[in-house]
Amino acid sequence: MKTEIKEFIVDTYQKEWQPLVEKGINYDGIFVKSLLYDDKKGRSTTILLKFEPGAVYPYHNHPGGEEIYVIEGSCTLEGARLDSGNYLYTPPNFKHSVTSKNGCILLFIIPEEVEIL
């Protein structure tokens, strides 16, 4: 059991970007770093996502909602542009796609697995 706060720190500079692969599908130009892995759910619930210029994540549903914070660059969700410093909360069962014309890095909090539509 972890007992020291230092054991909960994630040094993102020490982690390598990994290609985003979900259910055997590799999403070209999108990379992930896991920040918080939930053992009970068997997946990461807090991640960093990096979109290369032109990358697209397909139309999907968030059964448990999501939170997005744009660290760097910009992206577009359903016609709404999010720029560096912007935060977005989407409620449960909100559906959208994500594109990034020039690339971006996003902090995502996703309590439930997404459903590709």
PDB file of N, CA and C in Angstrom:
ATOM      1  N   MET A   1       0.844  -1.183   0.000  1.00  0.00           N
ATOM      2  CA  MET A   1       0.000   0.000   0.000  1.00  0.00           C
ATOM      3  C   MET A   1       0.888   1.245   0.000  1.00  0.00           C
ATOM      4  N   LYS A   2       0.525   2.193  -0.848  1.00  0.00           N
ATOM      5  CA  LYS A   2       1.270   3.443  -0.917  1.00  0.00           C
ATOM      6  C   LYS A   2       0.947   4.288   0.302  1.00  0.00           C
ATOM      7  N   THR A   3       1.985   4.842   0.928  1.00  0.00           N
ATOM      8  CA  THR A   3       1.775   5.636   2.130  1.00  0.00           C
ATOM      9  C   THR A   3       2.400   7.023   2.055  1.00  0.00           C
ATOM     10  N   GLU A   4       3.187   7.288   1.024  1.00  0.00           N
ATOM     11  CA  GLU A   4       3.852   8.586   0.888  1.00  0.00           C
ATOM     12  C   GLU A   4       3.302   9.319  -0.325  1.00  0.00           C
ATOM     13  N   ILE A   5       3.119  10.625  -0.203  1.00  0.00           N
ATOM     14  CA  ILE A   5       2.569  11.405  -1.310  1.00  0.00           C
ATOM     15  C   ILE A   5       3.438  11.293  -2.557  1.00  0.00           C
ATOM     16  N   LYS A   6       4.742  11.141  -2.377  1.00  0.00           N
ATOM     17  CA  LYS A   6       5.648  11.023  -3.525  1.00  0.00           C
ATOM     18  C   LYS A   6       5.295   9.831  -4.398  1.00  0.00           C
ATOM     19  N   GLU A   7       4.681   8.820  -3.825  1.00  0.00           N
ATOM     20  CA  GLU A   7       4.327   7.621  -4.578  1.00  0.00           C
ATOM     21  C   GLU A   7       3.141   7.853  -5.530  1.00  0.00           C
ATOM     22  N   PHE A   8       2.454   8.974  -5.376  1.00  0.00           N
ATOM     23  CA  PHE A   8       1.295   9.293  -6.213  1.00  0.00           C
ATOM     24  C   PHE A   8       1.619  10.311  -7.311  1.00  0.00           C
ATOM     25  N   ILE A   9       2.853  10.790  -7.349  1.00  0.00           N
ATOM     26  CA  ILE A   9       3.256  11.783  -8.349  1.00  0.00           C
ATOM     27  C   ILE A   9       3.578  11.080  -9.663  1.00  0.00           C
ATOM     28  N   VAL A  10       3.060  11.608 -10.758  1.00  0.00           N
ATOM     29  CA  VAL A  10       3.371  11.099 -12.092  1.00  0.00           C
ATOM     30  C   VAL A  10       4.231  12.148 -12.792  1.00  0.00           C
ATOM     31  N   ASP A  11       5.458  11.798 -13.117  1.00  0.00           N
ATOM     32  CA  ASP A  11       6.344  12.689 -13.859  1.00  0.00           C
ATOM     33  C   ASP A  11       6.098  12.448 -15.344  1.00  0.00           C
ATOM     34  N   THR A  12       5.281  13.290 -15.951  1.00  0.00           N
ATOM     35  CA  THR A  12       4.881  13.071 -17.341  1.00  0.00           C
ATOM     36  C   THR A  12       6.068  13.158 -18.301  1.00  0.00           C
ATOM     37  N   TYR A  13       7.131  13.844 -17.910  1.00  0.00           N
ATOM     38  CA  TYR A  13       8.310  13.919 -18.777  1.00  0.00           C
ATOM     39  C   TYR A  13       9.059  12.589 -18.820  1.00  0.00           C
ATOM     40  N   GLN A  14       8.842  11.730 -17.844  1.00  0.00           N
ATOM     41  CA  GLN A  14       9.491  10.423 -17.805  1.00  0.00           C
ATOM     42  C   GLN A  14       8.670   9.350 -18.517  1.00  0.00           C
ATOM     43  N   LYS A  15       7.460   9.697 -18.927  1.00  0.00           N
ATOM     44  CA  LYS A  15       6.595   8.738 -19.623  1.00  0.00           C
ATOM     45  C   LYS A  15       6.675   8.978 -21.127  1.00  0.00           C
ATOM     46  N   GLU A  16       6.677   7.908 -21.885  1.00  0.00           N
ATOM     47  CA  GLU A  16       6.696   7.990 -23.344  1.00  0.00           C
ATOM     48  C   GLU A  16       5.264   8.105 -23.875  1.00  0.00           C
ATOM     49  N   TRP A  17       5.081   8.876 -24.942  1.00  0.00           N
ATOM     50  CA  TRP A  17       3.799   8.901 -25.624  1.00  0.00           C
ATOM     51  C   TRP A  17       3.585   7.549 -26.280  1.00  0.00           C
ATOM     52  N   GLN A  18       2.398   6.984 -26.106  1.00  0.00           N
ATOM     53  CA  GLN A  18       2.036   5.697 -26.708  1.00  0.00           C
ATOM     54  C   GLN A  18       0.939   5.928 -27.741  1.00  0.00           C
ATOM     55  N   PRO A  19       0.970   5.199 -28.865  1.00  0.00           N
ATOM     56  CA  PRO A  19      -0.129   5.332 -29.828  1.00  0.00           C
ATOM     57  C   PRO A  19      -1.457   4.996 -29.149  1.00  0.00           C
ATOM     58  N   LEU A  20      -2.496   5.757 -29.467  1.00  0.00           N
ATOM     59  CA  LEU A  20      -3.815   5.480 -28.901  1.00  0.00           C
ATOM     60  C   LEU A  20      -4.418   4.288 -29.632  1.00  0.00           C
ATOM     61  N   VAL A  21      -4.602   3.197 -28.904  1.00  0.00           N
ATOM     62  CA  VAL A  21      -5.216   1.989 -29.444  1.00  0.00           C
ATOM     63  C   VAL A  21      -6.345   1.602 -28.504  1.00  0.00           C
ATOM     64  N   GLU A  22      -7.563   1.537 -29.035  1.00  0.00           N
ATOM     65  CA  GLU A  22      -8.729   1.150 -28.244  1.00  0.00           C
ATOM     66  C   GLU A  22      -9.453   0.027 -28.964  1.00  0.00           C
ATOM     67  N   LYS A  23      -9.665  -1.053 -28.258  1.00  0.00           N
ATOM     68  CA  LYS A  23     -10.364  -2.220 -28.816  1.00  0.00           C
ATOM     69  C   LYS A  23      -9.755  -2.642 -30.158  1.00  0.00           C
ATOM     70  N   GLY A  24      -8.427  -2.599 -30.238  1.00  0.00           N
ATOM     71  CA  GLY A  24      -7.706  -3.031 -31.425  1.00  0.00           C
ATOM     72  C   GLY A  24      -7.623  -1.999 -32.537  1.00  0.00           C
ATOM     73  N   ILE A  25      -8.218  -0.825 -32.338  1.00  0.00           N
ATOM     74  CA  ILE A  25      -8.183   0.223 -33.367  1.00  0.00           C
ATOM     75  C   ILE A  25      -7.108   1.238 -32.994  1.00  0.00           C
ATOM     76  N   ASN A  26      -6.166   1.473 -33.939  1.00  0.00           N
ATOM     77  CA  ASN A  26      -5.111   2.460 -33.754  1.00  0.00           C
ATOM     78  C   ASN A  26      -5.583   3.769 -34.384  1.00  0.00           C
ATOM     79  N   TYR A  27      -5.669   4.811 -33.578  1.00  0.00           N
ATOM     80  CA  TYR A  27      -6.110   6.115 -34.059  1.00  0.00           C
ATOM     81  C   TYR A  27      -4.880   6.903 -34.498  1.00  0.00           C
ATOM     82  N   ASP A  28      -4.641   6.909 -35.822  1.00  0.00           N
ATOM     83  CA  ASP A  28      -3.454   7.542 -36.391  1.00  0.00           C
ATOM     84  C   ASP A  28      -3.331   8.992 -35.941  1.00  0.00           C
ATOM     85  N   GLY A  29      -2.123   9.352 -35.514  1.00  0.00           N
ATOM     86  CA  GLY A  29      -1.835  10.724 -35.147  1.00  0.00           C
ATOM     87  C   GLY A  29      -2.293  11.121 -33.763  1.00  0.00           C
ATOM     88  N   ILE A  30      -2.791  10.161 -32.959  1.00  0.00           N
ATOM     89  CA  ILE A  30      -3.218  10.450 -31.587  1.00  0.00           C
ATOM     90  C   ILE A  30      -2.407   9.571 -30.644  1.00  0.00           C
ATOM     91  N   PHE A  31      -1.847  10.202 -29.611  1.00  0.00           N
ATOM     92  CA  PHE A  31      -0.988   9.508 -28.660  1.00  0.00           C
ATOM     93  C   PHE A  31      -1.457   9.780 -27.238  1.00  0.00           C
ATOM     94  N   VAL A  32      -1.131   8.875 -26.327  1.00  0.00           N
ATOM     95  CA  VAL A  32      -1.658   8.942 -24.965  1.00  0.00           C
ATOM     96  C   VAL A  32      -0.562   8.722 -23.931  1.00  0.00           C
ATOM     97  N   LYS A  33      -0.738   9.376 -22.775  1.00  0.00           N
ATOM     98  CA  LYS A  33       0.037   9.101 -21.560  1.00  0.00           C
ATOM     99  C   LYS A  33      -0.985   8.914 -20.450  1.00  0.00           C
ATOM    100  N   SER A  34      -0.924   7.783 -19.780  1.00  0.00           N
ATOM    101  CA  SER A  34      -1.831   7.517 -18.665  1.00  0.00           C
ATOM    102  C   SER A  34      -1.335   8.236 -17.413  1.00  0.00           C
ATOM    103  N   LEU A  35      -2.237   8.947 -16.744  1.00  0.00           N
ATOM    104  CA  LEU A  35      -1.898   9.610 -15.495  1.00  0.00           C
ATOM    105  C   LEU A  35      -2.496   8.889 -14.291  1.00  0.00           C
ATOM    106  N   LEU A  36      -3.705   8.356 -14.458  1.00  0.00           N
ATOM    107  CA  LEU A  36      -4.366   7.644 -13.362  1.00  0.00           C
ATOM    108  C   LEU A  36      -5.036   6.397 -13.919  1.00  0.00           C
ATOM    109  N   TYR A  37      -4.570   5.252 -13.482  1.00  0.00           N
ATOM    110  CA  TYR A  37      -5.141   3.982 -13.914  1.00  0.00           C
ATOM    111  C   TYR A  37      -6.040   3.461 -12.802  1.00  0.00           C
ATOM    112  N   ASP A  38      -7.273   3.107 -13.154  1.00  0.00           N
ATOM    113  CA  ASP A  38      -8.240   2.584 -12.197  1.00  0.00           C
ATOM    114  C   ASP A  38      -8.244   1.057 -12.303  1.00  0.00           C
ATOM    115  N   ASP A  39      -7.703   0.387 -11.301  1.00  0.00           N
ATOM    116  CA  ASP A  39      -7.620  -1.074 -11.315  1.00  0.00           C
ATOM    117  C   ASP A  39      -8.997  -1.726 -11.389  1.00  0.00           C
ATOM    118  N   LYS A  40      -9.980  -1.151 -10.704  1.00  0.00           N
ATOM    119  CA  LYS A  40     -11.322  -1.738 -10.703  1.00  0.00           C
ATOM    120  C   LYS A  40     -11.969  -1.662 -12.081  1.00  0.00           C
ATOM    121  N   LYS A  41     -11.739  -0.550 -12.796  1.00  0.00           N
ATOM    122  CA  LYS A  41     -12.318  -0.380 -14.125  1.00  0.00           C
ATOM    123  C   LYS A  41     -11.442  -1.004 -15.217  1.00  0.00           C
ATOM    124  N   GLY A  42     -10.178  -1.275 -14.886  1.00  0.00           N
ATOM    125  CA  GLY A  42      -9.264  -1.869 -15.854  1.00  0.00           C
ATOM    126  C   GLY A  42      -8.862  -0.926 -16.974  1.00  0.00           C
ATOM    127  N   ARG A  43      -8.822   0.371 -16.670  1.00  0.00           N
ATOM    128  CA  ARG A  43      -8.461   1.366 -17.683  1.00  0.00           C
ATOM    129  C   ARG A  43      -8.062   2.682 -17.020  1.00  0.00           C
ATOM    130  N   SER A  44      -7.458   3.537 -17.815  1.00  0.00           N
ATOM    131  CA  SER A  44      -7.071   4.859 -17.323  1.00  0.00           C
ATOM    132  C   SER A  44      -8.289   5.781 -17.327  1.00  0.00           C
ATOM    133  N   THR A  45      -8.416   6.568 -16.277  1.00  0.00           N
ATOM    134  CA  THR A  45      -9.522   7.527 -16.192  1.00  0.00           C
ATOM    135  C   THR A  45      -9.041   8.965 -16.317  1.00  0.00           C
ATOM    136  N   THR A  46      -7.741   9.185 -16.191  1.00  0.00           N
ATOM    137  CA  THR A  46      -7.151  10.504 -16.407  1.00  0.00           C
ATOM    138  C   THR A  46      -5.945  10.307 -17.321  1.00  0.00           C
ATOM    139  N   ILE A  47      -5.966  11.036 -18.450  1.00  0.00           N
ATOM    140  CA  ILE A  47      -4.915  10.845 -19.452  1.00  0.00           C
ATOM    141  C   ILE A  47      -4.514  12.172 -20.071  1.00  0.00           C
ATOM    142  N   LEU A  48      -3.345  12.168 -20.683  1.00  0.00           N
ATOM    143  CA  LEU A  48      -2.950  13.227 -21.602  1.00  0.00           C
ATOM    144  C   LEU A  48      -3.112  12.667 -23.001  1.00  0.00           C
ATOM    145  N   LEU A  49      -3.672  13.458 -23.905  1.00  0.00           N
ATOM    146  CA  LEU A  49      -3.776  13.072 -25.309  1.00  0.00           C
ATOM    147  C   LEU A  49      -3.027  14.092 -26.142  1.00  0.00           C
ATOM    148  N   LYS A  50      -2.261  13.591 -27.103  1.00  0.00           N
ATOM    149  CA  LYS A  50      -1.573  14.458 -28.051  1.00  0.00           C
ATOM    150  C   LYS A  50      -2.109  14.168 -29.446  1.00  0.00           C
ATOM    151  N   PHE A  51      -2.638  15.192 -30.086  1.00  0.00           N
ATOM    152  CA  PHE A  51      -3.120  15.104 -31.460  1.00  0.00           C
ATOM    153  C   PHE A  51      -2.066  15.737 -32.361  1.00  0.00           C
ATOM    154  N   GLU A  52      -1.606  14.994 -33.350  1.00  0.00           N
ATOM    155  CA  GLU A  52      -0.753  15.587 -34.365  1.00  0.00           C
ATOM    156  C   GLU A  52      -1.638  16.417 -35.294  1.00  0.00           C
ATOM    157  N   PRO A  53      -1.053  17.369 -36.046  1.00  0.00           N
ATOM    158  CA  PRO A  53      -1.863  18.159 -36.970  1.00  0.00           C
ATOM    159  C   PRO A  53      -2.686  17.272 -37.904  1.00  0.00           C
ATOM    160  N   GLY A  54      -3.982  17.579 -37.987  1.00  0.00           N
ATOM    161  CA  GLY A  54      -4.896  16.843 -38.852  1.00  0.00           C
ATOM    162  C   GLY A  54      -5.510  15.597 -38.246  1.00  0.00           C
ATOM    163  N   ALA A  55      -5.132  15.226 -37.031  1.00  0.00           N
ATOM    164  CA  ALA A  55      -5.669  14.012 -36.400  1.00  0.00           C
ATOM    165  C   ALA A  55      -7.147  14.181 -36.056  1.00  0.00           C
ATOM    166  N   VAL A  56      -7.870  13.057 -36.130  1.00  0.00           N
ATOM    167  CA  VAL A  56      -9.316  13.047 -35.867  1.00  0.00           C
ATOM    168  C   VAL A  56      -9.661  11.871 -34.966  1.00  0.00           C
ATOM    169  N   TYR A  57     -10.432  12.126 -33.911  1.00  0.00           N
ATOM    170  CA  TYR A  57     -11.012  11.061 -33.102  1.00  0.00           C
ATOM    171  C   TYR A  57     -12.489  11.015 -33.491  1.00  0.00           C
ATOM    172  N   PRO A  58     -13.003   9.832 -33.855  1.00  0.00           N
ATOM    173  CA  PRO A  58     -14.355   9.751 -34.442  1.00  0.00           C
ATOM    174  C   PRO A  58     -15.481  10.100 -33.472  1.00  0.00           C
ATOM    175  N   TYR A  59     -16.658  10.279 -34.056  1.00  0.00           N
ATOM    176  CA  TYR A  59     -17.876  10.587 -33.315  1.00  0.00           C
ATOM    177  C   TYR A  59     -18.103   9.501 -32.264  1.00  0.00           C
ATOM    178  N   HIS A  60     -18.357   9.929 -31.022  1.00  0.00           N
ATOM    179  CA  HIS A  60     -18.467   8.988 -29.911  1.00  0.00           C
ATOM    180  C   HIS A  60     -19.340   9.564 -28.806  1.00  0.00           C
ATOM    181  N   ASN A  61     -19.709   8.686 -27.887  1.00  0.00           N
ATOM    182  CA  ASN A  61     -20.532   9.046 -26.735  1.00  0.00           C
ATOM    183  C   ASN A  61     -19.709   8.896 -25.460  1.00  0.00           C
ATOM    184  N   HIS A  62     -19.977   9.781 -24.500  1.00  0.00           N
ATOM    185  CA  HIS A  62     -19.372   9.698 -23.165  1.00  0.00           C
ATOM    186  C   HIS A  62     -20.466   9.369 -22.153  1.00  0.00           C
ATOM    187  N   PRO A  63     -20.689   8.076 -21.854  1.00  0.00           N
ATOM    188  CA  PRO A  63     -21.751   7.706 -20.908  1.00  0.00           C
ATOM    189  C   PRO A  63     -21.613   8.377 -19.541  1.00  0.00           C
ATOM    190  N   GLY A  64     -20.367   8.623 -19.105  1.00  0.00           N
ATOM    191  CA  GLY A  64     -20.146   9.242 -17.803  1.00  0.00           C
ATOM    192  C   GLY A  64     -19.706  10.688 -17.885  1.00  0.00           C
ATOM    193  N   GLY A  65     -19.846  11.305 -19.065  1.00  0.00           N
ATOM    194  CA  GLY A  65     -19.361  12.672 -19.243  1.00  0.00           C
ATOM    195  C   GLY A  65     -17.843  12.691 -19.381  1.00  0.00           C
ATOM    196  N   GLU A  66     -17.283  13.882 -19.442  1.00  0.00           N
ATOM    197  CA  GLU A  66     -15.834  14.036 -19.546  1.00  0.00           C
ATOM    198  C   GLU A  66     -15.441  15.447 -19.176  1.00  0.00           C
ATOM    199  N   GLU A  67     -14.166  15.622 -18.895  1.00  0.00           N
ATOM    200  CA  GLU A  67     -13.583  16.936 -18.690  1.00  0.00           C
ATOM    201  C   GLU A  67     -12.354  17.036 -19.583  1.00  0.00           C
ATOM    202  N   ILE A  68     -12.198  18.184 -20.245  1.00  0.00           N
ATOM    203  CA  ILE A  68     -11.062  18.425 -21.127  1.00  0.00           C
ATOM    204  C   ILE A  68     -10.441  19.761 -20.748  1.00  0.00           C
ATOM    205  N   TYR A  69      -9.123  19.782 -20.641  1.00  0.00           N
ATOM    206  CA  TYR A  69      -8.380  21.025 -20.470  1.00  0.00           C
ATOM    207  C   TYR A  69      -7.317  21.058 -21.560  1.00  0.00           C
ATOM    208  N   VAL A  70      -7.286  22.133 -22.344  1.00  0.00           N
ATOM    209  CA  VAL A  70      -6.328  22.259 -23.440  1.00  0.00           C
ATOM    210  C   VAL A  70      -5.031  22.843 -22.888  1.00  0.00           C
ATOM    211  N   ILE A  71      -3.992  22.031 -22.903  1.00  0.00           N
ATOM    212  CA  ILE A  71      -2.684  22.454 -22.400  1.00  0.00           C
ATOM    213  C   ILE A  71      -1.929  23.248 -23.459  1.00  0.00           C
ATOM    214  N   GLU A  72      -2.030  22.767 -24.696  1.00  0.00           N
ATOM    215  CA  GLU A  72      -1.253  23.371 -25.786  1.00  0.00           C
ATOM    216  C   GLU A  72      -2.012  23.193 -27.088  1.00  0.00           C
ATOM    217  N   GLY A  73      -1.984  24.192 -27.966  1.00  0.00           N
ATOM    218  CA  GLY A  73      -2.615  24.086 -29.279  1.00  0.00           C
ATOM    219  C   GLY A  73      -4.112  24.319 -29.215  1.00  0.00           C
ATOM    220  N   SER A  74      -4.823  23.698 -30.172  1.00  0.00           N
ATOM    221  CA  SER A  74      -6.278  23.862 -30.222  1.00  0.00           C
ATOM    222  C   SER A  74      -6.908  22.637 -30.872  1.00  0.00           C
ATOM    223  N   CYS A  75      -8.202  22.469 -30.593  1.00  0.00           N
ATOM    224  CA  CYS A  75      -8.975  21.381 -31.189  1.00  0.00           C
ATOM    225  C   CYS A  75     -10.402  21.874 -31.389  1.00  0.00           C
ATOM    226  N   THR A  76     -11.159  21.087 -32.152  1.00  0.00           N
ATOM    227  CA  THR A  76     -12.550  21.442 -32.428  1.00  0.00           C
ATOM    228  C   THR A  76     -13.447  20.267 -32.089  1.00  0.00           C
ATOM    229  N   LEU A  77     -14.520  20.545 -31.351  1.00  0.00           N
ATOM    230  CA  LEU A  77     -15.540  19.562 -30.992  1.00  0.00           C
ATOM    231  C   LEU A  77     -16.878  20.111 -31.449  1.00  0.00           C
ATOM    232  N   GLU A  78     -17.519  19.443 -32.391  1.00  0.00           N
ATOM    233  CA  GLU A  78     -18.844  19.837 -32.881  1.00  0.00           C
ATOM    234  C   GLU A  78     -18.915  21.324 -33.228  1.00  0.00           C
ATOM    235  N   GLY A  79     -17.896  21.827 -33.919  1.00  0.00           N
ATOM    236  CA  GLY A  79     -17.875  23.215 -34.373  1.00  0.00           C
ATOM    237  C   GLY A  79     -17.375  24.218 -33.353  1.00  0.00           C
ATOM    238  N   ALA A  80     -17.153  23.793 -32.110  1.00  0.00           N
ATOM    239  CA  ALA A  80     -16.661  24.695 -31.066  1.00  0.00           C
ATOM    240  C   ALA A  80     -15.150  24.522 -30.935  1.00  0.00           C
ATOM    241  N   ARG A  81     -14.424  25.618 -31.078  1.00  0.00           N
ATOM    242  CA  ARG A  81     -12.966  25.576 -30.981  1.00  0.00           C
ATOM    243  C   ARG A  81     -12.532  25.774 -29.533  1.00  0.00           C
ATOM    244  N   LEU A  82     -11.638  24.906 -29.092  1.00  0.00           N
ATOM    245  CA  LEU A  82     -11.025  25.021 -27.765  1.00  0.00           C
ATOM    246  C   LEU A  82      -9.555  25.365 -27.967  1.00  0.00           C
ATOM    247  N   ASP A  83      -9.101  26.418 -27.310  1.00  0.00           N
ATOM    248  CA  ASP A  83      -7.712  26.856 -27.408  1.00  0.00           C
ATOM    249  C   ASP A  83      -6.981  26.620 -26.089  1.00  0.00           C
ATOM    250  N   SER A  84      -5.672  26.743 -26.146  1.00  0.00           N
ATOM    251  CA  SER A  84      -4.846  26.586 -24.954  1.00  0.00           C
ATOM    252  C   SER A  84      -5.433  27.382 -23.794  1.00  0.00           C
ATOM    253  N   GLY A  85      -5.602  26.725 -22.654  1.00  0.00           N
ATOM    254  CA  GLY A  85      -6.177  27.365 -21.478  1.00  0.00           C
ATOM    255  C   GLY A  85      -7.674  27.174 -21.328  1.00  0.00           C
ATOM    256  N   ASN A  86      -8.342  26.664 -22.371  1.00  0.00           N
ATOM    257  CA  ASN A  86      -9.788  26.426 -22.286  1.00  0.00           C
ATOM    258  C   ASN A  86     -10.082  25.110 -21.579  1.00  0.00           C
ATOM    259  N   TYR A  87     -11.208  25.097 -20.857  1.00  0.00           N
ATOM    260  CA  TYR A  87     -11.702  23.921 -20.143  1.00  0.00           C
ATOM    261  C   TYR A  87     -13.100  23.631 -20.642  1.00  0.00           C
ATOM    262  N   LEU A  88     -13.414  22.332 -20.792  1.00  0.00           N
ATOM    263  CA  LEU A  88     -14.757  21.927 -21.207  1.00  0.00           C
ATOM    264  C   LEU A  88     -15.215  20.751 -20.360  1.00  0.00           C
ATOM    265  N   TYR A  89     -16.415  20.869 -19.811  1.00  0.00           N
ATOM    266  CA  TYR A  89     -17.083  19.740 -19.167  1.00  0.00           C
ATOM    267  C   TYR A  89     -18.233  19.344 -20.076  1.00  0.00           C
ATOM    268  N   THR A  90     -18.317  18.058 -20.412  1.00  0.00           N
ATOM    269  CA  THR A  90     -19.481  17.584 -21.145  1.00  0.00           C
ATOM    270  C   THR A  90     -20.250  16.631 -20.232  1.00  0.00           C
ATOM    271  N   PRO A  91     -21.565  16.775 -20.169  1.00  0.00           N
ATOM    272  CA  PRO A  91     -22.374  15.935 -19.289  1.00  0.00           C
ATOM    273  C   PRO A  91     -22.478  14.503 -19.812  1.00  0.00           C
ATOM    274  N   PRO A  92     -22.942  13.577 -18.972  1.00  0.00           N
ATOM    275  CA  PRO A  92     -23.135  12.202 -19.421  1.00  0.00           C
ATOM    276  C   PRO A  92     -23.968  12.124 -20.695  1.00  0.00           C
ATOM    277  N   ASN A  93     -23.556  11.193 -21.558  1.00  0.00           N
ATOM    278  CA  ASN A  93     -24.204  10.916 -22.842  1.00  0.00           C
ATOM    279  C   ASN A  93     -24.080  12.047 -23.856  1.00  0.00           C
ATOM    280  N   PHE A  94     -23.048  12.848 -23.715  1.00  0.00           N
ATOM    281  CA  PHE A  94     -22.759  13.883 -24.703  1.00  0.00           C
ATOM    282  C   PHE A  94     -21.970  13.253 -25.848  1.00  0.00           C
ATOM    283  N   LYS A  95     -22.358  13.549 -27.069  1.00  0.00           N
ATOM    284  CA  LYS A  95     -21.758  12.933 -28.253  1.00  0.00           C
ATOM    285  C   LYS A  95     -21.026  13.981 -29.082  1.00  0.00           C
ATOM    286  N   HIS A  96     -19.843  13.614 -29.591  1.00  0.00           N
ATOM    287  CA  HIS A  96     -19.067  14.538 -30.418  1.00  0.00           C
ATOM    288  C   HIS A  96     -17.875  13.812 -31.036  1.00  0.00           C
ATOM    289  N   SER A  97     -17.213  14.487 -31.967  1.00  0.00           N
ATOM    290  CA  SER A  97     -15.931  14.039 -32.482  1.00  0.00           C
ATOM    291  C   SER A  97     -14.903  15.096 -32.076  1.00  0.00           C
ATOM    292  N   VAL A  98     -13.611  14.794 -32.303  1.00  0.00           N
ATOM    293  CA  VAL A  98     -12.554  15.750 -31.974  1.00  0.00           C
ATOM    294  C   VAL A  98     -11.594  15.811 -33.154  1.00  0.00           C
ATOM    295  N   THR A  99     -11.287  17.021 -33.587  1.00  0.00           N
ATOM    296  CA  THR A  99     -10.284  17.214 -34.629  1.00  0.00           C
ATOM    297  C   THR A  99      -9.301  18.277 -34.173  1.00  0.00           C
ATOM    298  N   SER A 100      -8.090  18.209 -34.723  1.00  0.00           N
ATOM    299  CA  SER A 100      -7.101  19.232 -34.427  1.00  0.00           C
ATOM    300  C   SER A 100      -6.345  19.567 -35.703  1.00  0.00           C
ATOM    301  N   LYS A 101      -6.597  20.746 -36.215  1.00  0.00           N
ATOM    302  CA  LYS A 101      -5.975  21.185 -37.469  1.00  0.00           C
ATOM    303  C   LYS A 101      -4.464  21.332 -37.316  1.00  0.00           C
ATOM    304  N   ASN A 102      -4.025  21.924 -36.213  1.00  0.00           N
ATOM    305  CA  ASN A 102      -2.603  22.226 -36.024  1.00  0.00           C
ATOM    306  C   ASN A 102      -1.944  21.428 -34.902  1.00  0.00           C
ATOM    307  N   GLY A 103      -2.688  20.513 -34.281  1.00  0.00           N
ATOM    308  CA  GLY A 103      -2.150  19.708 -33.190  1.00  0.00           C
ATOM    309  C   GLY A 103      -2.469  20.302 -31.830  1.00  0.00           C
ATOM    310  N   CYS A 104      -2.458  19.451 -30.808  1.00  0.00           N
ATOM    311  CA  CYS A 104      -2.749  19.916 -29.453  1.00  0.00           C
ATOM    312  C   CYS A 104      -2.355  18.851 -28.432  1.00  0.00           C
ATOM    313  N   ILE A 105      -2.298  19.280 -27.189  1.00  0.00           N
ATOM    314  CA  ILE A 105      -2.145  18.366 -26.053  1.00  0.00           C
ATOM    315  C   ILE A 105      -3.280  18.677 -25.090  1.00  0.00           C
ATOM    316  N   LEU A 106      -4.011  17.627 -24.704  1.00  0.00           N
ATOM    317  CA  LEU A 106      -5.210  17.772 -23.881  1.00  0.00           C
ATOM    318  C   LEU A 106      -5.108  16.923 -22.624  1.00  0.00           C
ATOM    319  N   LEU A 107      -5.624  17.448 -21.529  1.00  0.00           N
ATOM    320  CA  LEU A 107      -5.833  16.668 -20.311  1.00  0.00           C
ATOM    321  C   LEU A 107      -7.275  16.211 -20.346  1.00  0.00           C
ATOM    322  N   PHE A 108      -7.491  14.890 -20.261  1.00  0.00           N
ATOM    323  CA  PHE A 108      -8.829  14.301 -20.288  1.00  0.00           C
ATOM    324  C   PHE A 108      -9.103  13.577 -18.977  1.00  0.00           C
ATOM    325  N   ILE A 109     -10.291  13.792 -18.431  1.00  0.00           N
ATOM    326  CA  ILE A 109     -10.789  12.994 -17.306  1.00  0.00           C
ATOM    327  C   ILE A 109     -12.056  12.316 -17.828  1.00  0.00           C
ATOM    328  N   ILE A 110     -12.014  10.986 -17.899  1.00  0.00           N
ATOM    329  CA  ILE A 110     -13.098  10.222 -18.506  1.00  0.00           C
ATOM    330  C   ILE A 110     -13.520   9.091 -17.558  1.00  0.00           C
ATOM    331  N   PRO A 111     -14.544   9.346 -16.741  1.00  0.00           N
ATOM    332  CA  PRO A 111     -14.938   8.359 -15.721  1.00  0.00           C
ATOM    333  C   PRO A 111     -15.463   7.033 -16.277  1.00  0.00           C
ATOM    334  N   GLU A 112     -16.033   7.055 -17.489  1.00  0.00           N
ATOM    335  CA  GLU A 112     -16.566   5.839 -18.106  1.00  0.00           C
ATOM    336  C   GLU A 112     -15.947   5.678 -19.494  1.00  0.00           C
ATOM    337  N   GLU A 113     -15.892   4.440 -19.947  1.00  0.00           N
ATOM    338  CA  GLU A 113     -15.363   4.128 -21.286  1.00  0.00           C
ATOM    339  C   GLU A 113     -16.196   4.810 -22.362  1.00  0.00           C
ATOM    340  N   VAL A 114     -15.527   5.378 -23.385  1.00  0.00           N
ATOM    341  CA  VAL A 114     -16.260   5.998 -24.485  1.00  0.00           C
ATOM    342  C   VAL A 114     -16.856   4.912 -25.387  1.00  0.00           C
ATOM    343  N   GLU A 115     -17.900   5.297 -26.111  1.00  0.00           N
ATOM    344  CA  GLU A 115     -18.555   4.390 -27.065  1.00  0.00           C
ATOM    345  C   GLU A 115     -18.448   5.017 -28.442  1.00  0.00           C
ATOM    346  N   ILE A 116     -17.694   4.392 -29.341  1.00  0.00           N
ATOM    347  CA  ILE A 116     -17.590   4.874 -30.708  1.00  0.00           C
ATOM    348  C   ILE A 116     -18.935   4.609 -31.398  1.00  0.00           C
ATOM    349  N   LEU A 117     -19.443   5.621 -32.085  1.00  0.00           N
ATOM    350  CA  LEU A 117     -20.763   5.506 -32.735  1.00  0.00           C
ATOM    351  C   LEU A 117     -20.624   5.369 -34.244  1.00  0.00           C
TER     352      LEU A 117
END
